[in-house]
Every structure is written in structure tokens, then in C-alpha cells.
Amino acid sequence: PLASGLDKLVSLAPLLLVDEFAWERIDE
């Protein structure tokens, strides 16, 4: 689950750096 995963991550480190993609933005 995303919420508990992020809760653990935020408890481990004060700075988060992310590389992601917005698959739902793939339009026609």
C-alpha cells in the first residue's frame, strides 16, 4: 500500500528525491 510505504520512507529520511512518470497523461 502506498500510504504506509510513504509513511515508512518519510520516517527514515527527511529528504526524498523522485524520478517518476505520469502514465495517465498519455493522451491520444
mmCIF file of all heavy atoms, coordinates in Angstrom:
data_MODEL
# 
_entry.id   MODEL 
# 
loop_
_atom_site.group_PDB 
_atom_site.id 
_atom_site.type_symbol 
_atom_site.label_atom_id 
_atom_site.label_alt_id 
_atom_site.label_comp_id 
_atom_site.label_asym_id 
_atom_site.label_entity_id 
_atom_site.label_seq_id 
_atom_site.pdbx_PDB_ins_code 
_atom_site.Cartn_x 
_atom_site.Cartn_y 
_atom_site.Cartn_z 
_atom_site.occupancy 
_atom_site.B_iso_or_equiv 
_atom_site.pdbx_formal_charge 
_atom_site.auth_seq_id 
_atom_site.auth_comp_id 
_atom_site.auth_asym_id 
_atom_site.auth_atom_id 
_atom_site.pdbx_PDB_model_num 
ATOM 1   N N   . PRO A 1 1  ? 0.828  -1.209 0.000   1.00 0.00 ? 1  PRO A N   1 
ATOM 2   C CA  . PRO A 1 1  ? 0.000  0.000  0.000   1.00 0.00 ? 1  PRO A CA  1 
ATOM 3   C C   . PRO A 1 1  ? 0.865  1.264  0.000   1.00 0.00 ? 1  PRO A C   1 
ATOM 4   O O   . PRO A 1 1  ? 1.870  1.321  0.721   1.00 0.00 ? 1  PRO A O   1 
ATOM 5   C CB  . PRO A 1 1  ? -0.826 -0.122 1.279   1.00 0.00 ? 1  PRO A CB  1 
ATOM 6   C CG  . PRO A 1 1  ? -0.017 -1.000 2.170   1.00 0.00 ? 1  PRO A CG  1 
ATOM 7   C CD  . PRO A 1 1  ? 0.747  -1.930 1.284   1.00 0.00 ? 1  PRO A CD  1 
ATOM 8   N N   . LEU A 1 2  ? 0.449  2.239  -0.764  1.00 0.00 ? 2  LEU A N   1 
ATOM 9   C CA  . LEU A 1 2  ? 1.254  3.439  -0.965  1.00 0.00 ? 2  LEU A CA  1 
ATOM 10  C C   . LEU A 1 2  ? 1.399  4.256  0.311   1.00 0.00 ? 2  LEU A C   1 
ATOM 11  O O   . LEU A 1 2  ? 2.495  4.692  0.654   1.00 0.00 ? 2  LEU A O   1 
ATOM 12  C CB  . LEU A 1 2  ? 0.643  4.294  -2.071  1.00 0.00 ? 2  LEU A CB  1 
ATOM 13  C CG  . LEU A 1 2  ? 1.352  5.617  -2.380  1.00 0.00 ? 2  LEU A CG  1 
ATOM 14  C CD1 . LEU A 1 2  ? 2.782  5.375  -2.825  1.00 0.00 ? 2  LEU A CD1 1 
ATOM 15  C CD2 . LEU A 1 2  ? 0.580  6.399  -3.444  1.00 0.00 ? 2  LEU A CD2 1 
ATOM 16  N N   . ALA A 1 3  ? 0.302  4.477  1.033   1.00 0.00 ? 3  ALA A N   1 
ATOM 17  C CA  . ALA A 1 3  ? 0.340  5.354  2.203   1.00 0.00 ? 3  ALA A CA  1 
ATOM 18  C C   . ALA A 1 3  ? 1.314  4.832  3.251   1.00 0.00 ? 3  ALA A C   1 
ATOM 19  O O   . ALA A 1 3  ? 2.146  5.588  3.772   1.00 0.00 ? 3  ALA A O   1 
ATOM 20  C CB  . ALA A 1 3  ? -1.055 5.510  2.792   1.00 0.00 ? 3  ALA A CB  1 
ATOM 21  N N   . SER A 1 4  ? 1.235  3.558  3.576   1.00 0.00 ? 4  SER A N   1 
ATOM 22  C CA  . SER A 1 4  ? 2.132  3.024  4.607   1.00 0.00 ? 4  SER A CA  1 
ATOM 23  C C   . SER A 1 4  ? 3.568  2.980  4.115   1.00 0.00 ? 4  SER A C   1 
ATOM 24  O O   . SER A 1 4  ? 4.512  3.165  4.900   1.00 0.00 ? 4  SER A O   1 
ATOM 25  C CB  . SER A 1 4  ? 1.668  1.638  5.048   1.00 0.00 ? 4  SER A CB  1 
ATOM 26  O OG  . SER A 1 4  ? 1.687  0.718  3.970   1.00 0.00 ? 4  SER A OG  1 
ATOM 27  N N   . GLY A 1 5  ? 3.765  2.750  2.817   1.00 0.00 ? 5  GLY A N   1 
ATOM 28  C CA  . GLY A 1 5  ? 5.113  2.771  2.264   1.00 0.00 ? 5  GLY A CA  1 
ATOM 29  C C   . GLY A 1 5  ? 5.742  4.147  2.386   1.00 0.00 ? 5  GLY A C   1 
ATOM 30  O O   . GLY A 1 5  ? 6.908  4.280  2.781   1.00 0.00 ? 5  GLY A O   1 
ATOM 31  N N   . LEU A 1 6  ? 4.974  5.187  2.071   1.00 0.00 ? 6  LEU A N   1 
ATOM 32  C CA  . LEU A 1 6  ? 5.492  6.547  2.196   1.00 0.00 ? 6  LEU A CA  1 
ATOM 33  C C   . LEU A 1 6  ? 5.667  6.947  3.658   1.00 0.00 ? 6  LEU A C   1 
ATOM 34  O O   . LEU A 1 6  ? 6.586  7.694  4.002   1.00 0.00 ? 6  LEU A O   1 
ATOM 35  C CB  . LEU A 1 6  ? 4.579  7.531  1.478   1.00 0.00 ? 6  LEU A CB  1 
ATOM 36  C CG  . LEU A 1 6  ? 4.563  7.436  -0.050  1.00 0.00 ? 6  LEU A CG  1 
ATOM 37  C CD1 . LEU A 1 6  ? 3.585  8.450  -0.635  1.00 0.00 ? 6  LEU A CD1 1 
ATOM 38  C CD2 . LEU A 1 6  ? 5.951  7.644  -0.632  1.00 0.00 ? 6  LEU A CD2 1 
ATOM 39  N N   . ASP A 1 7  ? 4.788  6.441  4.535   1.00 0.00 ? 7  ASP A N   1 
ATOM 40  C CA  . ASP A 1 7  ? 4.960  6.709  5.962   1.00 0.00 ? 7  ASP A CA  1 
ATOM 41  C C   . ASP A 1 7  ? 6.297  6.162  6.446   1.00 0.00 ? 7  ASP A C   1 
ATOM 42  O O   . ASP A 1 7  ? 7.011  6.819  7.217   1.00 0.00 ? 7  ASP A O   1 
ATOM 43  C CB  . ASP A 1 7  ? 3.820  6.075  6.766   1.00 0.00 ? 7  ASP A CB  1 
ATOM 44  C CG  . ASP A 1 7  ? 2.518  6.838  6.649   1.00 0.00 ? 7  ASP A CG  1 
ATOM 45  O OD1 . ASP A 1 7  ? 2.541  8.005  6.218   1.00 0.00 ? 7  ASP A OD1 1 
ATOM 46  O OD2 . ASP A 1 7  ? 1.465  6.260  6.994   1.00 0.00 ? 7  ASP A OD2 1 
ATOM 47  N N   . LYS A 1 8  ? 6.643  4.964  6.003   1.00 0.00 ? 8  LYS A N   1 
ATOM 48  C CA  . LYS A 1 8  ? 7.927  4.390  6.411   1.00 0.00 ? 8  LYS A CA  1 
ATOM 49  C C   . LYS A 1 8  ? 9.075  5.179  5.810   1.00 0.00 ? 8  LYS A C   1 
ATOM 50  O O   . LYS A 1 8  ? 10.067 5.461  6.488   1.00 0.00 ? 8  LYS A O   1 
ATOM 51  C CB  . LYS A 1 8  ? 8.012  2.927  5.989   1.00 0.00 ? 8  LYS A CB  1 
ATOM 52  C CG  . LYS A 1 8  ? 9.315  2.260  6.427   1.00 0.00 ? 8  LYS A CG  1 
ATOM 53  C CD  . LYS A 1 8  ? 9.302  0.763  6.242   1.00 0.00 ? 8  LYS A CD  1 
ATOM 54  C CE  . LYS A 1 8  ? 10.575 0.144  6.805   1.00 0.00 ? 8  LYS A CE  1 
ATOM 55  N NZ  . LYS A 1 8  ? 10.569 -1.334 6.691   1.00 0.00 ? 8  LYS A NZ  1 
ATOM 56  N N   . LEU A 1 9  ? 8.942  5.551  4.562   1.00 0.00 ? 9  LEU A N   1 
ATOM 57  C CA  . LEU A 1 9  ? 10.016 6.280  3.886   1.00 0.00 ? 9  LEU A CA  1 
ATOM 58  C C   . LEU A 1 9  ? 10.264 7.627  4.554   1.00 0.00 ? 9  LEU A C   1 
ATOM 59  O O   . LEU A 1 9  ? 11.415 8.016  4.789   1.00 0.00 ? 9  LEU A O   1 
ATOM 60  C CB  . LEU A 1 9  ? 9.648  6.464  2.407   1.00 0.00 ? 9  LEU A CB  1 
ATOM 61  C CG  . LEU A 1 9  ? 10.751 6.874  1.433   1.00 0.00 ? 9  LEU A CG  1 
ATOM 62  C CD1 . LEU A 1 9  ? 11.932 5.922  1.518   1.00 0.00 ? 9  LEU A CD1 1 
ATOM 63  C CD2 . LEU A 1 9  ? 10.197 6.908  0.013   1.00 0.00 ? 9  LEU A CD2 1 
ATOM 64  N N   . VAL A 1 10 ? 9.201  8.335  4.882   1.00 0.00 ? 10 VAL A N   1 
ATOM 65  C CA  . VAL A 1 10 ? 9.366  9.660  5.491   1.00 0.00 ? 10 VAL A CA  1 
ATOM 66  C C   . VAL A 1 10 ? 9.932  9.547  6.903   1.00 0.00 ? 10 VAL A C   1 
ATOM 67  O O   . VAL A 1 10 ? 10.591 10.464 7.399   1.00 0.00 ? 10 VAL A O   1 
ATOM 68  C CB  . VAL A 1 10 ? 8.034  10.442 5.476   1.00 0.00 ? 10 VAL A CB  1 
ATOM 69  C CG1 . VAL A 1 10 ? 7.090  9.962  6.560   1.00 0.00 ? 10 VAL A CG1 1 
ATOM 70  C CG2 . VAL A 1 10 ? 8.270  11.950 5.611   1.00 0.00 ? 10 VAL A CG2 1 
ATOM 71  N N   . SER A 1 11 ? 9.709  8.404  7.558   1.00 0.00 ? 11 SER A N   1 
ATOM 72  C CA  . SER A 1 11 ? 10.278 8.204  8.894   1.00 0.00 ? 11 SER A CA  1 
ATOM 73  C C   . SER A 1 11 ? 11.773 7.913  8.830   1.00 0.00 ? 11 SER A C   1 
ATOM 74  O O   . SER A 1 11 ? 12.493 8.126  9.807   1.00 0.00 ? 11 SER A O   1 
ATOM 75  C CB  . SER A 1 11 ? 9.565  7.048  9.607   1.00 0.00 ? 11 SER A CB  1 
ATOM 76  O OG  . SER A 1 11 ? 9.936  5.780  9.069   1.00 0.00 ? 11 SER A OG  1 
ATOM 77  N N   . LEU A 1 12 ? 12.250 7.427  7.678   1.00 0.00 ? 12 LEU A N   1 
ATOM 78  C CA  . LEU A 1 12 ? 13.656 7.042  7.547   1.00 0.00 ? 12 LEU A CA  1 
ATOM 79  C C   . LEU A 1 12 ? 14.552 8.187  7.094   1.00 0.00 ? 12 LEU A C   1 
ATOM 80  O O   . LEU A 1 12 ? 15.728 8.231  7.454   1.00 0.00 ? 12 LEU A O   1 
ATOM 81  C CB  . LEU A 1 12 ? 13.782 5.889  6.541   1.00 0.00 ? 12 LEU A CB  1 
ATOM 82  C CG  . LEU A 1 12 ? 13.237 4.536  6.975   1.00 0.00 ? 12 LEU A CG  1 
ATOM 83  C CD1 . LEU A 1 12 ? 13.258 3.559  5.808   1.00 0.00 ? 12 LEU A CD1 1 
ATOM 84  C CD2 . LEU A 1 12 ? 14.034 3.981  8.147   1.00 0.00 ? 12 LEU A CD2 1 
ATOM 85  N N   . ALA A 1 13 ? 14.008 9.103  6.282   1.00 0.00 ? 13 ALA A N   1 
ATOM 86  C CA  . ALA A 1 13 ? 14.861 10.147 5.697   1.00 0.00 ? 13 ALA A CA  1 
ATOM 87  C C   . ALA A 1 13 ? 14.086 11.452 5.539   1.00 0.00 ? 13 ALA A C   1 
ATOM 88  O O   . ALA A 1 13 ? 12.923 11.425 5.111   1.00 0.00 ? 13 ALA A O   1 
ATOM 89  C CB  . ALA A 1 13 ? 15.397 9.697  4.340   1.00 0.00 ? 13 ALA A CB  1 
ATOM 90  N N   . PRO A 1 14 ? 14.687 12.596 5.832   1.00 0.00 ? 14 PRO A N   1 
ATOM 91  C CA  . PRO A 1 14 ? 13.985 13.877 5.737   1.00 0.00 ? 14 PRO A CA  1 
ATOM 92  C C   . PRO A 1 14 ? 13.902 14.460 4.328   1.00 0.00 ? 14 PRO A C   1 
ATOM 93  O O   . PRO A 1 14 ? 13.137 15.387 4.084   1.00 0.00 ? 14 PRO A O   1 
ATOM 94  C CB  . PRO A 1 14 ? 14.819 14.794 6.630   1.00 0.00 ? 14 PRO A CB  1 
ATOM 95  C CG  . PRO A 1 14 ? 16.204 14.229 6.545   1.00 0.00 ? 14 PRO A CG  1 
ATOM 96  C CD  . PRO A 1 14 ? 16.035 12.743 6.435   1.00 0.00 ? 14 PRO A CD  1 
ATOM 97  N N   . LEU A 1 15 ? 14.704 13.929 3.402   1.00 0.00 ? 15 LEU A N   1 
ATOM 98  C CA  . LEU A 1 15 ? 14.736 14.437 2.031   1.00 0.00 ? 15 LEU A CA  1 
ATOM 99  C C   . LEU A 1 15 ? 14.439 13.292 1.079   1.00 0.00 ? 15 LEU A C   1 
ATOM 100 O O   . LEU A 1 15 ? 15.025 12.210 1.193   1.00 0.00 ? 15 LEU A O   1 
ATOM 101 C CB  . LEU A 1 15 ? 16.128 15.007 1.717   1.00 0.00 ? 15 LEU A CB  1 
ATOM 102 C CG  . LEU A 1 15 ? 16.435 15.374 0.264   1.00 0.00 ? 15 LEU A CG  1 
ATOM 103 C CD1 . LEU A 1 15 ? 15.550 16.527 -0.214  1.00 0.00 ? 15 LEU A CD1 1 
ATOM 104 C CD2 . LEU A 1 15 ? 17.917 15.727 0.098   1.00 0.00 ? 15 LEU A CD2 1 
ATOM 105 N N   . LEU A 1 16 ? 13.524 13.512 0.140   1.00 0.00 ? 16 LEU A N   1 
ATOM 106 C CA  . LEU A 1 16 ? 13.163 12.488 -0.840  1.00 0.00 ? 16 LEU A CA  1 
ATOM 107 C C   . LEU A 1 16 ? 13.325 13.042 -2.247  1.00 0.00 ? 16 LEU A C   1 
ATOM 108 O O   . LEU A 1 16 ? 12.824 14.129 -2.559  1.00 0.00 ? 16 LEU A O   1 
ATOM 109 C CB  . LEU A 1 16 ? 11.718 12.029 -0.640  1.00 0.00 ? 16 LEU A CB  1 
ATOM 110 C CG  . LEU A 1 16 ? 11.201 10.985 -1.642  1.00 0.00 ? 16 LEU A CG  1 
ATOM 111 C CD1 . LEU A 1 16 ? 12.011 9.694  -1.548  1.00 0.00 ? 16 LEU A CD1 1 
ATOM 112 C CD2 . LEU A 1 16 ? 9.720  10.720 -1.416  1.00 0.00 ? 16 LEU A CD2 1 
ATOM 113 N N   . LEU A 1 17 ? 13.995 12.280 -3.095  1.00 0.00 ? 17 LEU A N   1 
ATOM 114 C CA  . LEU A 1 17 ? 14.220 12.640 -4.492  1.00 0.00 ? 17 LEU A CA  1 
ATOM 115 C C   . LEU A 1 17 ? 13.615 11.552 -5.365  1.00 0.00 ? 17 LEU A C   1 
ATOM 116 O O   . LEU A 1 17 ? 13.909 10.366 -5.187  1.00 0.00 ? 17 LEU A O   1 
ATOM 117 C CB  . LEU A 1 17 ? 15.720 12.782 -4.753  1.00 0.00 ? 17 LEU A CB  1 
ATOM 118 C CG  . LEU A 1 17 ? 16.413 13.782 -3.822  1.00 0.00 ? 17 LEU A CG  1 
ATOM 119 C CD1 . LEU A 1 17 ? 17.920 13.649 -3.905  1.00 0.00 ? 17 LEU A CD1 1 
ATOM 120 C CD2 . LEU A 1 17 ? 15.982 15.209 -4.146  1.00 0.00 ? 17 LEU A CD2 1 
ATOM 121 N N   . VAL A 1 18 ? 12.780 11.953 -6.313  1.00 0.00 ? 18 VAL A N   1 
ATOM 122 C CA  . VAL A 1 18 ? 11.954 11.008 -7.053  1.00 0.00 ? 18 VAL A CA  1 
ATOM 123 C C   . VAL A 1 18 ? 12.085 11.225 -8.548  1.00 0.00 ? 18 VAL A C   1 
ATOM 124 O O   . VAL A 1 18 ? 12.118 12.366 -9.024  1.00 0.00 ? 18 VAL A O   1 
ATOM 125 C CB  . VAL A 1 18 ? 10.465 11.161 -6.642  1.00 0.00 ? 18 VAL A CB  1 
ATOM 126 C CG1 . VAL A 1 18 ? 9.560  10.288 -7.510  1.00 0.00 ? 18 VAL A CG1 1 
ATOM 127 C CG2 . VAL A 1 18 ? 10.284 10.827 -5.166  1.00 0.00 ? 18 VAL A CG2 1 
ATOM 128 N N   . ASP A 1 19 ? 12.136 10.120 -9.277  1.00 0.00 ? 19 ASP A N   1 
ATOM 129 C CA  . ASP A 1 19 ? 12.030 10.138 -10.742 1.00 0.00 ? 19 ASP A CA  1 
ATOM 130 C C   . ASP A 1 19 ? 10.833 9.265  -11.085 1.00 0.00 ? 19 ASP A C   1 
ATOM 131 O O   . ASP A 1 19 ? 10.795 8.086  -10.701 1.00 0.00 ? 19 ASP A O   1 
ATOM 132 C CB  . ASP A 1 19 ? 13.316 9.576  -11.364 1.00 0.00 ? 19 ASP A CB  1 
ATOM 133 C CG  . ASP A 1 19 ? 13.340 9.697  -12.873 1.00 0.00 ? 19 ASP A CG  1 
ATOM 134 O OD1 . ASP A 1 19 ? 12.780 10.667 -13.401 1.00 0.00 ? 19 ASP A OD1 1 
ATOM 135 O OD2 . ASP A 1 19 ? 13.930 8.817  -13.533 1.00 0.00 ? 19 ASP A OD2 1 
ATOM 136 N N   . GLU A 1 20 ? 9.829  9.822  -11.768 1.00 0.00 ? 20 GLU A N   1 
ATOM 137 C CA  . GLU A 1 20 ? 8.594  9.084  -11.997 1.00 0.00 ? 20 GLU A CA  1 
ATOM 138 C C   . GLU A 1 20 ? 8.018  9.378  -13.379 1.00 0.00 ? 20 GLU A C   1 
ATOM 139 O O   . GLU A 1 20 ? 8.573  10.158 -14.143 1.00 0.00 ? 20 GLU A O   1 
ATOM 140 C CB  . GLU A 1 20 ? 7.559  9.449  -10.931 1.00 0.00 ? 20 GLU A CB  1 
ATOM 141 C CG  . GLU A 1 20 ? 7.557  8.529  -9.718  1.00 0.00 ? 20 GLU A CG  1 
ATOM 142 C CD  . GLU A 1 20 ? 7.131  7.099  -10.060 1.00 0.00 ? 20 GLU A CD  1 
ATOM 143 O OE1 . GLU A 1 20 ? 6.585  6.862  -11.168 1.00 0.00 ? 20 GLU A OE1 1 
ATOM 144 O OE2 . GLU A 1 20 ? 7.360  6.219  -9.219  1.00 0.00 ? 20 GLU A OE2 1 
ATOM 145 N N   . PHE A 1 21 ? 6.905  8.704  -13.675 1.00 0.00 ? 21 PHE A N   1 
ATOM 146 C CA  . PHE A 1 21 ? 6.204  9.013  -14.915 1.00 0.00 ? 21 PHE A CA  1 
ATOM 147 C C   . PHE A 1 21 ? 4.703  9.001  -14.691 1.00 0.00 ? 21 PHE A C   1 
ATOM 148 O O   . PHE A 1 21 ? 4.181  8.287  -13.843 1.00 0.00 ? 21 PHE A O   1 
ATOM 149 C CB  . PHE A 1 21 ? 6.626  8.062  -16.031 1.00 0.00 ? 21 PHE A CB  1 
ATOM 150 C CG  . PHE A 1 21 ? 5.938  6.725  -16.046 1.00 0.00 ? 21 PHE A CG  1 
ATOM 151 C CD1 . PHE A 1 21 ? 5.207  6.329  -17.160 1.00 0.00 ? 21 PHE A CD1 1 
ATOM 152 C CD2 . PHE A 1 21 ? 6.054  5.838  -14.985 1.00 0.00 ? 21 PHE A CD2 1 
ATOM 153 C CE1 . PHE A 1 21 ? 4.594  5.097  -17.196 1.00 0.00 ? 21 PHE A CE1 1 
ATOM 154 C CE2 . PHE A 1 21 ? 5.452  4.601  -15.017 1.00 0.00 ? 21 PHE A CE2 1 
ATOM 155 C CZ  . PHE A 1 21 ? 4.710  4.225  -16.132 1.00 0.00 ? 21 PHE A CZ  1 
ATOM 156 N N   . ALA A 1 22 ? 4.043  9.863  -15.459 1.00 0.00 ? 22 ALA A N   1 
ATOM 157 C CA  . ALA A 1 22 ? 2.603  10.056 -15.340 1.00 0.00 ? 22 ALA A CA  1 
ATOM 158 C C   . ALA A 1 22 ? 1.922  9.324  -16.486 1.00 0.00 ? 22 ALA A C   1 
ATOM 159 O O   . ALA A 1 22 ? 1.568  9.923  -17.501 1.00 0.00 ? 22 ALA A O   1 
ATOM 160 C CB  . ALA A 1 22 ? 2.268  11.545 -15.356 1.00 0.00 ? 22 ALA A CB  1 
ATOM 161 N N   . TRP A 1 23 ? 1.748  8.025  -16.300 1.00 0.00 ? 23 TRP A N   1 
ATOM 162 C CA  . TRP A 1 23 ? 1.197  7.210  -17.392 1.00 0.00 ? 23 TRP A CA  1 
ATOM 163 C C   . TRP A 1 23 ? -0.203 7.662  -17.788 1.00 0.00 ? 23 TRP A C   1 
ATOM 164 O O   . TRP A 1 23 ? -0.608 7.514  -18.945 1.00 0.00 ? 23 TRP A O   1 
ATOM 165 C CB  . TRP A 1 23 ? 1.176  5.737  -16.973 1.00 0.00 ? 23 TRP A CB  1 
ATOM 166 C CG  . TRP A 1 23 ? 0.416  5.469  -15.708 1.00 0.00 ? 23 TRP A CG  1 
ATOM 167 C CD1 . TRP A 1 23 ? 0.912  5.445  -14.442 1.00 0.00 ? 23 TRP A CD1 1 
ATOM 168 C CD2 . TRP A 1 23 ? -0.986 5.202  -15.599 1.00 0.00 ? 23 TRP A CD2 1 
ATOM 169 N NE1 . TRP A 1 23 ? -0.086 5.193  -13.529 1.00 0.00 ? 23 TRP A NE1 1 
ATOM 170 C CE2 . TRP A 1 23 ? -1.265 5.029  -14.210 1.00 0.00 ? 23 TRP A CE2 1 
ATOM 171 C CE3 . TRP A 1 23 ? -2.029 5.100  -16.509 1.00 0.00 ? 23 TRP A CE3 1 
ATOM 172 C CZ2 . TRP A 1 23 ? -2.554 4.758  -13.739 1.00 0.00 ? 23 TRP A CZ2 1 
ATOM 173 C CZ3 . TRP A 1 23 ? -3.321 4.831  -16.038 1.00 0.00 ? 23 TRP A CZ3 1 
ATOM 174 C CH2 . TRP A 1 23 ? -3.555 4.658  -14.672 1.00 0.00 ? 23 TRP A CH2 1 
ATOM 175 N N   . GLU A 1 24 ? -0.941 8.245  -16.837 1.00 0.00 ? 24 GLU A N   1 
ATOM 176 C CA  . GLU A 1 24 ? -2.310 8.661  -17.149 1.00 0.00 ? 24 GLU A CA  1 
ATOM 177 C C   . GLU A 1 24 ? -2.348 9.889  -18.047 1.00 0.00 ? 24 GLU A C   1 
ATOM 178 O O   . GLU A 1 24 ? -3.395 10.242 -18.585 1.00 0.00 ? 24 GLU A O   1 
ATOM 179 C CB  . GLU A 1 24 ? -3.093 8.913  -15.852 1.00 0.00 ? 24 GLU A CB  1 
ATOM 180 C CG  . GLU A 1 24 ? -2.807 10.231 -15.160 1.00 0.00 ? 24 GLU A CG  1 
ATOM 181 C CD  . GLU A 1 24 ? -1.525 10.226 -14.336 1.00 0.00 ? 24 GLU A CD  1 
ATOM 182 O OE1 . GLU A 1 24 ? -0.853 9.170  -14.280 1.00 0.00 ? 24 GLU A OE1 1 
ATOM 183 O OE2 . GLU A 1 24 ? -1.196 11.281 -13.743 1.00 0.00 ? 24 GLU A OE2 1 
ATOM 184 N N   . ARG A 1 25 ? -1.197 10.554 -18.227 1.00 0.00 ? 25 ARG A N   1 
ATOM 185 C CA  . ARG A 1 25 ? -1.117 11.722 -19.111 1.00 0.00 ? 25 ARG A CA  1 
ATOM 186 C C   . ARG A 1 25 ? -0.861 11.338 -20.580 1.00 0.00 ? 25 ARG A C   1 
ATOM 187 O O   . ARG A 1 25 ? -0.759 12.208 -21.427 1.00 0.00 ? 25 ARG A O   1 
ATOM 188 C CB  . ARG A 1 25 ? -0.013 12.668 -18.629 1.00 0.00 ? 25 ARG A CB  1 
ATOM 189 C CG  . ARG A 1 25 ? -0.376 13.404 -17.347 1.00 0.00 ? 25 ARG A CG  1 
ATOM 190 C CD  . ARG A 1 25 ? 0.834  14.104 -16.731 1.00 0.00 ? 25 ARG A CD  1 
ATOM 191 N NE  . ARG A 1 25 ? 1.432  15.091 -17.614 1.00 0.00 ? 25 ARG A NE  1 
ATOM 192 C CZ  . ARG A 1 25 ? 1.121  16.389 -17.635 1.00 0.00 ? 25 ARG A CZ  1 
ATOM 193 N NH1 . ARG A 1 25 ? 0.187  16.841 -16.818 1.00 0.00 ? 25 ARG A NH1 1 
ATOM 194 N NH2 . ARG A 1 25 ? 1.741  17.223 -18.444 1.00 0.00 ? 25 ARG A NH2 1 
ATOM 195 N N   . ILE A 1 26 ? -0.748 10.052 -20.836 1.00 0.00 ? 26 ILE A N   1 
ATOM 196 C CA  . ILE A 1 26 ? -0.550 9.617  -22.229 1.00 0.00 ? 26 ILE A CA  1 
ATOM 197 C C   . ILE A 1 26 ? -1.883 9.772  -22.958 1.00 0.00 ? 26 ILE A C   1 
ATOM 198 O O   . ILE A 1 26 ? -2.773 8.922  -22.888 1.00 0.00 ? 26 ILE A O   1 
ATOM 199 C CB  . ILE A 1 26 ? -0.058 8.161  -22.307 1.00 0.00 ? 26 ILE A CB  1 
ATOM 200 C CG1 . ILE A 1 26 ? 1.232  7.990  -21.501 1.00 0.00 ? 26 ILE A CG1 1 
ATOM 201 C CG2 . ILE A 1 26 ? 0.169  7.757  -23.768 1.00 0.00 ? 26 ILE A CG2 1 
ATOM 202 C CD1 . ILE A 1 26 ? 1.745  6.554  -21.435 1.00 0.00 ? 26 ILE A CD1 1 
ATOM 203 N N   . ASP A 1 27 ? -2.042 10.887 -23.647 1.00 0.00 ? 27 ASP A N   1 
ATOM 204 C CA  . ASP A 1 27 ? -3.282 11.148 -24.368 1.00 0.00 ? 27 ASP A CA  1 
ATOM 205 C C   . ASP A 1 27 ? -3.182 10.622 -25.800 1.00 0.00 ? 27 ASP A C   1 
ATOM 206 O O   . ASP A 1 27 ? -2.185 9.988  -26.185 1.00 0.00 ? 27 ASP A O   1 
ATOM 207 C CB  . ASP A 1 27 ? -3.627 12.638 -24.338 1.00 0.00 ? 27 ASP A CB  1 
ATOM 208 C CG  . ASP A 1 27 ? -2.526 13.512 -24.929 1.00 0.00 ? 27 ASP A CG  1 
ATOM 209 O OD1 . ASP A 1 27 ? -1.608 12.983 -25.601 1.00 0.00 ? 27 ASP A OD1 1 
ATOM 210 O OD2 . ASP A 1 27 ? -2.589 14.747 -24.740 1.00 0.00 ? 27 ASP A OD2 1 
ATOM 211 N N   . GLU A 1 28 ? -4.211 10.890 -26.601 1.00 0.00 ? 28 GLU A N   1 
ATOM 212 C CA  . GLU A 1 28 ? -4.240 10.343 -27.963 1.00 0.00 ? 28 GLU A CA  1 
ATOM 213 C C   . GLU A 1 28 ? -3.081 10.839 -28.825 1.00 0.00 ? 28 GLU A C   1 
ATOM 214 O O   . GLU A 1 28 ? -2.428 10.028 -29.512 1.00 0.00 ? 28 GLU A O   1 
ATOM 215 C CB  . GLU A 1 28 ? -5.582 10.680 -28.627 1.00 0.00 ? 28 GLU A CB  1 
ATOM 216 C CG  . GLU A 1 28 ? -5.739 10.041 -29.999 1.00 0.00 ? 28 GLU A CG  1 
ATOM 217 C CD  . GLU A 1 28 ? -7.120 10.289 -30.590 1.00 0.00 ? 28 GLU A CD  1 
ATOM 218 O OE1 . GLU A 1 28 ? -8.025 10.687 -29.842 1.00 0.00 ? 28 GLU A OE1 1 
ATOM 219 O OE2 . GLU A 1 28 ? -7.277 10.078 -31.812 1.00 0.00 ? 28 GLU A OE2 1 
# 
